């Protein structure tokens, strides 16, 4: 579930070109980036500008192993380029303040338009990062489009903890 994101890029058919959305509002179409893509251009979640972020609450707590970012059009300048993915464990209290030491850099990568539409990047250190149930994709630049950045699909891969692995993380 998407819990936060930067202002989306929205063009309405009415006279208003941009709809104002506060930072605490989650745009209804943001969930599309969590579903399988049909490979159709413009079926993305667009963020306003050439950079931005999306914060996602995972279905369950996992040990993260890889991140997959998908974009459908290799010629599109709105594709994310330089990205970082962070993860942390919030537990049941979504309103807690996160300590900086508890946030893990999971991956830092550049999405390459010359490669496959779906690109997978390994987590920096899956053993040292620990359990996460929330991730944040920070897009620091796209491939040149100043007005918006499109995210077609974002996936976080990993495995759920077992009771044995949980004992190891508690010591």
N, C-alpha and C. Protein backbone atom coordinates (compact mmCIF):
# COMPACT_ATOMS: atom_id res chain seq x y z
N UNK A 1 0.85 -1.17 0.00
CA UNK A 1 0.00 0.00 0.00
C UNK A 1 0.90 1.24 0.00
N UNK A 2 0.57 2.17 -0.84
CA UNK A 2 1.30 3.43 -0.89
C UNK A 2 0.83 4.29 0.28
N UNK A 3 1.78 4.76 1.10
CA UNK A 3 1.41 5.56 2.26
C UNK A 3 1.78 7.03 2.13
N UNK A 4 2.74 7.35 1.26
CA UNK A 4 3.15 8.75 1.02
C UNK A 4 3.82 8.85 -0.32
N UNK A 5 3.75 10.02 -0.91
CA UNK A 5 4.48 10.28 -2.15
C UNK A 5 4.55 11.78 -2.37
N UNK A 6 5.45 12.16 -3.26
CA UNK A 6 5.56 13.55 -3.66
C UNK A 6 4.34 13.89 -4.52
N UNK A 7 4.11 15.13 -4.76
CA UNK A 7 2.95 15.57 -5.53
C UNK A 7 2.92 14.88 -6.90
N UNK A 8 1.77 14.28 -7.25
CA UNK A 8 1.67 13.64 -8.57
C UNK A 8 1.50 14.68 -9.67
N UNK A 9 1.86 14.27 -10.87
CA UNK A 9 1.68 15.09 -12.06
C UNK A 9 0.32 14.73 -12.63
N UNK A 10 -0.62 15.68 -12.62
CA UNK A 10 -1.99 15.41 -13.04
C UNK A 10 -2.43 16.45 -14.06
N UNK A 11 -2.92 15.97 -15.17
CA UNK A 11 -3.53 16.85 -16.17
C UNK A 11 -4.99 16.47 -16.21
N UNK A 12 -5.85 17.42 -15.89
CA UNK A 12 -7.28 17.15 -15.89
C UNK A 12 -7.90 17.65 -17.18
N UNK A 13 -9.02 17.06 -17.53
CA UNK A 13 -9.73 17.46 -18.75
C UNK A 13 -10.54 18.73 -18.53
N UNK A 14 -10.69 19.12 -17.29
CA UNK A 14 -11.41 20.34 -16.95
C UNK A 14 -10.46 21.51 -17.17
N UNK A 15 -10.85 22.71 -16.85
CA UNK A 15 -10.02 23.88 -17.07
C UNK A 15 -8.79 23.94 -16.18
N UNK A 16 -8.85 23.30 -15.05
CA UNK A 16 -7.68 23.29 -14.17
C UNK A 16 -6.67 22.27 -14.69
N UNK A 17 -5.44 22.66 -14.86
CA UNK A 17 -4.42 21.74 -15.36
C UNK A 17 -3.82 20.90 -14.26
N UNK A 18 -3.61 21.46 -13.10
CA UNK A 18 -3.02 20.71 -12.01
C UNK A 18 -3.94 20.77 -10.81
N UNK A 19 -4.19 19.63 -10.22
CA UNK A 19 -5.00 19.57 -9.02
C UNK A 19 -4.07 19.64 -7.83
N UNK A 20 -4.40 20.47 -6.85
CA UNK A 20 -3.55 20.60 -5.68
C UNK A 20 -3.81 19.45 -4.73
N UNK A 21 -2.73 18.80 -4.30
CA UNK A 21 -2.83 17.69 -3.36
C UNK A 21 -1.80 17.93 -2.27
N UNK A 22 -2.19 17.75 -1.03
CA UNK A 22 -1.25 17.97 0.06
C UNK A 22 -0.31 16.77 0.16
N UNK A 23 0.79 16.93 0.89
CA UNK A 23 1.75 15.85 1.06
C UNK A 23 1.18 14.68 1.86
N UNK A 24 0.12 14.90 2.62
CA UNK A 24 -0.44 13.81 3.41
C UNK A 24 -1.50 13.02 2.65
N UNK A 25 -1.89 13.48 1.47
CA UNK A 25 -2.87 12.78 0.66
C UNK A 25 -2.17 11.78 -0.24
N UNK A 26 -2.75 10.58 -0.34
CA UNK A 26 -2.23 9.58 -1.25
C UNK A 26 -3.15 9.55 -2.47
N UNK A 27 -2.60 9.81 -3.62
CA UNK A 27 -3.37 9.85 -4.85
C UNK A 27 -3.88 8.45 -5.18
N UNK A 28 -5.13 8.35 -5.56
CA UNK A 28 -5.78 7.04 -5.73
C UNK A 28 -5.10 6.16 -6.78
N UNK A 29 -4.53 6.73 -7.83
CA UNK A 29 -3.89 5.93 -8.87
C UNK A 29 -2.46 5.50 -8.52
N UNK A 30 -1.96 5.92 -7.36
CA UNK A 30 -0.59 5.55 -6.99
C UNK A 30 -0.46 4.04 -6.79
N UNK A 31 -1.53 3.37 -6.41
CA UNK A 31 -1.49 1.92 -6.20
C UNK A 31 -1.21 1.16 -7.51
N UNK A 32 -1.43 1.80 -8.66
CA UNK A 32 -1.19 1.12 -9.93
C UNK A 32 0.25 0.65 -10.08
N UNK A 33 1.19 1.35 -9.45
CA UNK A 33 2.59 0.95 -9.59
C UNK A 33 2.92 -0.33 -8.84
N UNK A 34 1.98 -0.81 -8.03
CA UNK A 34 2.19 -2.05 -7.28
C UNK A 34 1.57 -3.25 -7.98
N UNK A 35 0.89 -3.01 -9.09
CA UNK A 35 0.22 -4.07 -9.83
C UNK A 35 1.01 -4.40 -11.09
N UNK A 36 0.81 -5.60 -11.63
CA UNK A 36 1.50 -5.94 -12.89
C UNK A 36 1.15 -4.93 -13.98
N UNK A 37 2.16 -4.54 -14.73
CA UNK A 37 1.99 -3.56 -15.80
C UNK A 37 1.50 -4.26 -17.06
N UNK A 38 0.64 -3.60 -17.79
CA UNK A 38 0.17 -4.14 -19.06
C UNK A 38 1.10 -3.72 -20.20
N UNK A 39 2.14 -2.99 -19.89
CA UNK A 39 3.09 -2.58 -20.90
C UNK A 39 2.59 -1.46 -21.80
N UNK A 40 1.60 -0.73 -21.34
CA UNK A 40 1.04 0.35 -22.14
C UNK A 40 1.59 1.69 -21.68
N UNK A 41 2.11 2.50 -22.61
CA UNK A 41 2.57 3.84 -22.23
C UNK A 41 1.44 4.64 -21.58
N UNK A 42 1.80 5.51 -20.68
CA UNK A 42 0.90 6.40 -19.93
C UNK A 42 0.06 5.69 -18.87
N UNK A 43 0.29 4.41 -18.63
CA UNK A 43 -0.41 3.70 -17.56
C UNK A 43 0.53 3.60 -16.36
N UNK A 44 0.99 4.75 -15.92
CA UNK A 44 1.97 4.81 -14.84
C UNK A 44 1.46 5.69 -13.72
N UNK A 45 2.25 5.76 -12.65
CA UNK A 45 2.00 6.76 -11.62
C UNK A 45 3.02 7.86 -11.85
N UNK A 46 2.59 9.04 -12.31
CA UNK A 46 3.53 10.12 -12.61
C UNK A 46 3.74 11.05 -11.42
N UNK A 47 4.98 11.29 -11.09
CA UNK A 47 5.33 12.26 -10.05
C UNK A 47 5.68 13.58 -10.73
N UNK A 48 5.28 14.67 -10.14
CA UNK A 48 5.57 15.99 -10.70
C UNK A 48 7.06 16.29 -10.58
N UNK A 49 7.68 16.69 -11.66
CA UNK A 49 9.09 17.08 -11.66
C UNK A 49 10.01 15.95 -12.09
N UNK A 50 11.31 16.23 -12.04
CA UNK A 50 12.31 15.26 -12.49
C UNK A 50 12.87 14.41 -11.34
N UNK A 51 12.31 14.56 -10.15
CA UNK A 51 12.72 13.77 -9.00
C UNK A 51 11.51 13.62 -8.08
N UNK A 52 11.62 12.74 -7.11
CA UNK A 52 10.51 12.56 -6.18
C UNK A 52 10.68 11.31 -5.34
N UNK A 53 9.65 10.96 -4.61
CA UNK A 53 9.71 9.77 -3.78
C UNK A 53 8.33 9.13 -3.66
N UNK A 54 8.37 7.85 -3.32
CA UNK A 54 7.16 7.09 -3.01
C UNK A 54 7.49 6.21 -1.82
N UNK A 55 6.62 6.23 -0.83
CA UNK A 55 6.81 5.41 0.37
C UNK A 55 5.73 4.34 0.38
N UNK A 56 6.14 3.09 0.56
CA UNK A 56 5.21 1.96 0.44
C UNK A 56 5.28 1.08 1.66
N UNK A 57 4.13 0.72 2.17
CA UNK A 57 4.01 -0.24 3.26
C UNK A 57 3.84 -1.62 2.62
N UNK A 58 4.72 -2.56 2.94
CA UNK A 58 4.65 -3.89 2.36
C UNK A 58 3.52 -4.70 3.01
N UNK A 59 3.08 -5.75 2.33
CA UNK A 59 2.01 -6.61 2.87
C UNK A 59 2.42 -7.31 4.15
N UNK A 60 3.73 -7.61 4.24
CA UNK A 60 4.25 -8.32 5.39
C UNK A 60 5.70 -7.91 5.64
N UNK A 61 6.20 -8.23 6.78
CA UNK A 61 7.60 -7.95 7.10
C UNK A 61 8.49 -8.96 6.37
N UNK A 62 9.58 -8.48 5.77
CA UNK A 62 10.48 -9.37 5.02
C UNK A 62 11.94 -9.02 5.30
N UNK A 63 12.82 -9.97 4.95
CA UNK A 63 14.24 -9.70 4.78
C UNK A 63 14.39 -9.36 3.30
N UNK A 64 14.67 -8.12 2.94
CA UNK A 64 14.72 -7.73 1.52
C UNK A 64 15.94 -8.31 0.82
N UNK A 65 15.74 -8.69 -0.46
CA UNK A 65 16.82 -9.26 -1.26
C UNK A 65 17.07 -8.50 -2.56
N UNK A 66 16.02 -7.93 -3.15
CA UNK A 66 16.18 -7.23 -4.43
C UNK A 66 15.01 -6.27 -4.65
N UNK A 67 15.24 -5.32 -5.54
CA UNK A 67 14.24 -4.32 -5.93
C UNK A 67 14.11 -4.38 -7.45
N UNK A 68 12.88 -4.39 -7.96
CA UNK A 68 12.66 -4.33 -9.41
C UNK A 68 11.89 -3.06 -9.74
N UNK A 69 12.41 -2.31 -10.71
CA UNK A 69 11.77 -1.10 -11.19
C UNK A 69 11.45 -1.32 -12.67
N UNK A 70 10.24 -0.96 -13.05
CA UNK A 70 9.80 -1.20 -14.43
C UNK A 70 9.33 0.09 -15.08
N UNK A 71 9.73 0.25 -16.34
CA UNK A 71 9.27 1.36 -17.18
C UNK A 71 9.04 0.78 -18.56
N UNK A 72 8.00 1.18 -19.27
CA UNK A 72 7.65 0.48 -20.51
C UNK A 72 8.25 1.06 -21.79
N UNK A 73 8.56 2.32 -21.82
CA UNK A 73 8.98 2.95 -23.07
C UNK A 73 10.46 3.32 -23.00
N UNK A 74 11.28 2.64 -23.80
CA UNK A 74 12.72 2.89 -23.78
C UNK A 74 13.11 4.28 -24.29
N UNK A 75 12.25 4.93 -25.05
CA UNK A 75 12.55 6.24 -25.59
C UNK A 75 12.00 7.37 -24.71
N UNK A 76 11.37 7.02 -23.62
CA UNK A 76 10.69 8.01 -22.78
C UNK A 76 11.65 8.66 -21.79
N UNK A 77 11.72 9.98 -21.84
CA UNK A 77 12.62 10.71 -20.94
C UNK A 77 12.08 10.82 -19.52
N UNK A 78 10.83 10.38 -19.29
CA UNK A 78 10.25 10.44 -17.95
C UNK A 78 10.62 9.24 -17.09
N UNK A 79 11.36 8.31 -17.62
CA UNK A 79 11.78 7.14 -16.84
C UNK A 79 12.72 7.56 -15.72
N UNK A 80 12.57 6.95 -14.53
CA UNK A 80 13.53 7.24 -13.45
C UNK A 80 14.94 6.90 -13.91
N UNK A 81 15.91 7.62 -13.41
CA UNK A 81 17.31 7.34 -13.77
C UNK A 81 18.10 6.94 -12.53
N UNK A 82 18.41 7.89 -11.68
CA UNK A 82 19.19 7.59 -10.47
C UNK A 82 18.25 7.44 -9.28
N UNK A 83 18.38 6.32 -8.60
CA UNK A 83 17.43 5.98 -7.53
C UNK A 83 18.14 5.40 -6.31
N UNK A 84 17.50 5.58 -5.17
CA UNK A 84 17.90 4.93 -3.92
C UNK A 84 16.64 4.35 -3.30
N UNK A 85 16.78 3.20 -2.68
CA UNK A 85 15.65 2.60 -1.97
C UNK A 85 16.08 2.37 -0.53
N UNK A 86 15.28 2.87 0.39
CA UNK A 86 15.52 2.71 1.81
C UNK A 86 14.43 1.82 2.40
N UNK A 87 14.75 1.15 3.49
CA UNK A 87 13.76 0.32 4.15
C UNK A 87 13.88 0.43 5.66
N UNK A 88 12.78 0.17 6.35
CA UNK A 88 12.75 0.17 7.81
C UNK A 88 11.56 -0.63 8.28
N UNK A 89 11.55 -0.91 9.55
CA UNK A 89 10.43 -1.64 10.14
C UNK A 89 9.65 -0.70 11.04
N UNK A 90 8.39 -0.50 10.70
CA UNK A 90 7.52 0.37 11.48
C UNK A 90 6.71 -0.39 12.50
N UNK A 91 6.41 -1.64 12.21
CA UNK A 91 5.53 -2.39 13.09
C UNK A 91 4.10 -1.91 12.94
N UNK A 92 3.33 -2.03 13.98
CA UNK A 92 1.91 -1.68 13.90
C UNK A 92 1.64 -0.20 14.06
N UNK A 93 2.58 0.56 14.60
CA UNK A 93 2.36 1.98 14.85
C UNK A 93 2.90 2.79 13.67
N UNK A 94 2.02 3.21 12.78
CA UNK A 94 2.43 3.94 11.59
C UNK A 94 2.83 5.38 11.88
N UNK A 95 2.54 5.87 13.08
CA UNK A 95 2.83 7.27 13.41
C UNK A 95 4.14 7.47 14.15
N UNK A 96 4.92 6.41 14.37
CA UNK A 96 6.15 6.56 15.13
C UNK A 96 7.18 7.34 14.33
N UNK A 97 8.04 8.01 15.03
CA UNK A 97 9.15 8.72 14.40
C UNK A 97 10.28 7.72 14.22
N UNK A 98 10.84 7.65 13.04
CA UNK A 98 11.87 6.67 12.73
C UNK A 98 13.23 7.22 13.10
N UNK A 99 13.99 6.43 13.85
CA UNK A 99 15.35 6.82 14.19
C UNK A 99 16.23 6.62 12.96
N UNK A 100 17.12 7.56 12.72
CA UNK A 100 17.98 7.50 11.55
C UNK A 100 18.78 6.20 11.50
N UNK A 101 19.23 5.70 12.63
CA UNK A 101 20.00 4.47 12.66
C UNK A 101 19.21 3.25 12.28
N UNK A 102 17.90 3.34 12.25
CA UNK A 102 17.03 2.21 11.93
C UNK A 102 16.64 2.18 10.45
N UNK A 103 17.04 3.17 9.69
CA UNK A 103 16.74 3.20 8.26
C UNK A 103 17.92 2.60 7.51
N UNK A 104 17.62 1.66 6.62
CA UNK A 104 18.67 0.95 5.89
C UNK A 104 18.65 1.35 4.42
N UNK A 105 19.81 1.62 3.85
CA UNK A 105 19.91 1.80 2.41
C UNK A 105 19.86 0.40 1.81
N UNK A 106 18.81 0.12 1.06
CA UNK A 106 18.66 -1.21 0.47
C UNK A 106 19.35 -1.30 -0.89
N UNK A 107 19.24 -0.26 -1.70
CA UNK A 107 19.83 -0.29 -3.04
C UNK A 107 20.02 1.13 -3.55
N UNK A 108 21.05 1.29 -4.34
CA UNK A 108 21.31 2.55 -5.05
C UNK A 108 21.67 2.14 -6.47
N UNK A 109 20.95 2.69 -7.46
CA UNK A 109 21.12 2.19 -8.82
C UNK A 109 20.72 3.24 -9.84
N UNK A 110 21.10 2.97 -11.09
CA UNK A 110 20.67 3.77 -12.24
C UNK A 110 19.87 2.88 -13.16
N UNK A 111 18.66 3.32 -13.48
CA UNK A 111 17.82 2.60 -14.43
C UNK A 111 18.33 2.93 -15.83
N UNK A 112 18.65 1.89 -16.61
CA UNK A 112 19.27 2.04 -17.92
C UNK A 112 18.23 1.79 -19.02
N UNK A 113 17.95 2.81 -19.82
CA UNK A 113 16.97 2.68 -20.90
C UNK A 113 17.37 1.68 -21.97
N UNK A 114 18.65 1.33 -22.04
CA UNK A 114 19.13 0.38 -23.05
C UNK A 114 18.92 -1.07 -22.63
N UNK A 115 18.55 -1.29 -21.39
CA UNK A 115 18.35 -2.66 -20.88
C UNK A 115 16.87 -3.01 -20.87
N UNK A 116 16.56 -4.12 -20.27
CA UNK A 116 15.19 -4.62 -20.17
C UNK A 116 14.26 -3.60 -19.51
N UNK A 117 12.98 -3.66 -19.83
CA UNK A 117 12.00 -2.76 -19.21
C UNK A 117 11.93 -2.96 -17.70
N UNK A 118 12.00 -4.22 -17.25
CA UNK A 118 11.99 -4.54 -15.82
C UNK A 118 13.43 -4.84 -15.40
N UNK A 119 13.98 -4.00 -14.54
CA UNK A 119 15.37 -4.17 -14.09
C UNK A 119 15.41 -4.44 -12.60
N UNK A 120 16.15 -5.49 -12.23
CA UNK A 120 16.23 -5.91 -10.83
C UNK A 120 17.61 -5.57 -10.27
N UNK A 121 17.61 -5.02 -9.07
CA UNK A 121 18.84 -4.60 -8.40
C UNK A 121 18.90 -5.27 -7.03
N UNK A 122 20.04 -5.91 -6.76
CA UNK A 122 20.20 -6.59 -5.49
C UNK A 122 20.30 -5.60 -4.34
N UNK A 123 19.81 -6.03 -3.19
CA UNK A 123 19.94 -5.23 -1.98
C UNK A 123 21.41 -5.18 -1.60
N UNK A 124 21.88 -4.04 -1.13
CA UNK A 124 23.29 -3.81 -0.82
C UNK A 124 23.83 -4.88 0.11
N UNK A 125 23.17 -5.11 1.23
CA UNK A 125 23.62 -6.11 2.20
C UNK A 125 22.38 -6.66 2.89
N UNK A 126 21.81 -7.72 2.31
CA UNK A 126 20.54 -8.21 2.82
C UNK A 126 20.63 -8.74 4.24
N UNK A 127 21.78 -9.24 4.66
CA UNK A 127 21.92 -9.73 6.04
C UNK A 127 21.97 -8.56 7.02
N UNK A 128 22.71 -7.51 6.67
CA UNK A 128 22.88 -6.38 7.58
C UNK A 128 21.69 -5.44 7.63
N UNK A 129 20.81 -5.49 6.62
CA UNK A 129 19.71 -4.54 6.59
C UNK A 129 18.60 -4.88 7.55
N UNK A 130 18.41 -6.13 7.86
CA UNK A 130 17.38 -6.51 8.82
C UNK A 130 15.99 -6.55 8.22
N UNK A 131 15.02 -6.64 9.09
CA UNK A 131 13.63 -6.74 8.68
C UNK A 131 13.06 -5.39 8.27
N UNK A 132 12.26 -5.39 7.22
CA UNK A 132 11.58 -4.16 6.80
C UNK A 132 10.11 -4.46 6.49
N UNK A 133 9.28 -3.48 6.72
CA UNK A 133 7.88 -3.56 6.30
C UNK A 133 7.47 -2.28 5.56
N UNK A 134 8.41 -1.35 5.43
CA UNK A 134 8.16 -0.10 4.73
C UNK A 134 9.40 0.23 3.89
N UNK A 135 9.18 0.66 2.65
CA UNK A 135 10.29 1.07 1.79
C UNK A 135 9.98 2.44 1.20
N UNK A 136 11.04 3.13 0.83
CA UNK A 136 10.91 4.43 0.19
C UNK A 136 11.81 4.44 -1.03
N UNK A 137 11.21 4.67 -2.20
CA UNK A 137 11.95 4.85 -3.44
C UNK A 137 12.19 6.34 -3.60
N UNK A 138 13.46 6.75 -3.58
CA UNK A 138 13.84 8.14 -3.84
C UNK A 138 14.41 8.21 -5.25
N UNK A 139 13.77 8.97 -6.10
CA UNK A 139 14.25 9.18 -7.46
C UNK A 139 14.94 10.54 -7.46
N UNK A 140 16.26 10.53 -7.66
CA UNK A 140 17.01 11.78 -7.62
C UNK A 140 17.10 12.45 -8.99
N UNK A 141 16.84 11.69 -10.06
CA UNK A 141 16.79 12.27 -11.40
C UNK A 141 16.07 11.30 -12.33
N UNK A 142 15.57 11.87 -13.44
CA UNK A 142 15.00 11.01 -14.48
C UNK A 142 15.86 11.17 -15.74
N UNK A 143 15.39 10.65 -16.86
CA UNK A 143 16.17 10.68 -18.09
C UNK A 143 15.96 11.95 -18.90
N UNK A 144 15.58 13.06 -18.25
CA UNK A 144 15.57 14.35 -18.92
C UNK A 144 14.24 15.08 -19.00
N UNK A 145 13.16 14.50 -18.54
CA UNK A 145 11.87 15.17 -18.61
C UNK A 145 11.70 16.08 -17.39
N UNK A 146 11.62 17.40 -17.57
CA UNK A 146 11.51 18.30 -16.42
C UNK A 146 10.12 18.33 -15.78
N UNK A 147 9.08 17.92 -16.51
CA UNK A 147 7.72 18.05 -15.98
C UNK A 147 7.27 16.89 -15.11
N UNK A 148 7.68 15.65 -15.43
CA UNK A 148 7.21 14.51 -14.64
C UNK A 148 8.13 13.30 -14.77
N UNK A 149 7.98 12.40 -13.80
CA UNK A 149 8.72 11.14 -13.75
C UNK A 149 7.70 10.02 -13.57
N UNK A 150 7.76 9.01 -14.44
CA UNK A 150 6.77 7.92 -14.41
C UNK A 150 7.31 6.67 -13.74
N UNK A 151 6.48 6.09 -12.87
CA UNK A 151 6.80 4.80 -12.26
C UNK A 151 5.72 3.83 -12.74
N UNK A 152 6.12 2.82 -13.49
CA UNK A 152 5.16 1.84 -13.99
C UNK A 152 4.96 0.70 -13.00
N UNK A 153 6.04 0.22 -12.42
CA UNK A 153 5.90 -0.83 -11.41
C UNK A 153 7.14 -0.86 -10.53
N UNK A 154 6.89 -1.06 -9.25
CA UNK A 154 7.96 -1.21 -8.27
C UNK A 154 7.67 -2.48 -7.48
N UNK A 155 8.69 -3.34 -7.37
CA UNK A 155 8.56 -4.57 -6.61
C UNK A 155 9.70 -4.68 -5.61
N UNK A 156 9.39 -5.20 -4.44
CA UNK A 156 10.40 -5.48 -3.43
C UNK A 156 10.39 -6.99 -3.21
N UNK A 157 11.53 -7.62 -3.44
CA UNK A 157 11.64 -9.07 -3.30
C UNK A 157 12.35 -9.41 -2.00
N UNK A 158 11.94 -10.49 -1.39
CA UNK A 158 12.58 -10.94 -0.16
C UNK A 158 11.88 -12.15 0.39
N UNK A 159 12.26 -12.53 1.59
CA UNK A 159 11.62 -13.68 2.21
C UNK A 159 11.15 -13.31 3.61
N UNK A 160 10.06 -13.95 4.01
CA UNK A 160 9.51 -13.70 5.33
C UNK A 160 10.39 -14.36 6.38
N UNK A 161 10.46 -13.76 7.55
CA UNK A 161 11.27 -14.36 8.61
C UNK A 161 10.60 -15.63 9.15
N UNK A 162 11.43 -16.58 9.55
CA UNK A 162 10.93 -17.76 10.24
C UNK A 162 11.23 -17.58 11.71
N UNK A 163 10.66 -18.39 12.54
CA UNK A 163 10.91 -18.26 13.98
C UNK A 163 12.38 -18.48 14.30
N UNK A 164 13.08 -19.33 13.54
CA UNK A 164 14.51 -19.56 13.77
C UNK A 164 15.31 -18.33 13.40
N UNK A 165 15.01 -17.70 12.24
CA UNK A 165 15.77 -16.51 11.83
C UNK A 165 15.47 -15.34 12.76
N UNK A 166 14.30 -15.28 13.34
CA UNK A 166 13.96 -14.21 14.26
C UNK A 166 14.82 -14.31 15.52
N UNK A 167 15.13 -15.53 15.97
CA UNK A 167 15.99 -15.70 17.15
C UNK A 167 17.36 -15.09 16.90
N UNK A 168 17.87 -15.24 15.66
CA UNK A 168 19.19 -14.69 15.33
C UNK A 168 19.20 -13.18 15.31
N UNK A 169 18.09 -12.54 14.94
CA UNK A 169 18.06 -11.08 14.90
C UNK A 169 17.85 -10.45 16.25
N UNK A 170 17.39 -11.24 17.22
CA UNK A 170 17.13 -10.68 18.55
C UNK A 170 18.38 -10.65 19.41
N UNK A 171 19.42 -11.39 19.05
CA UNK A 171 20.63 -11.41 19.89
C UNK A 171 21.57 -10.28 19.59
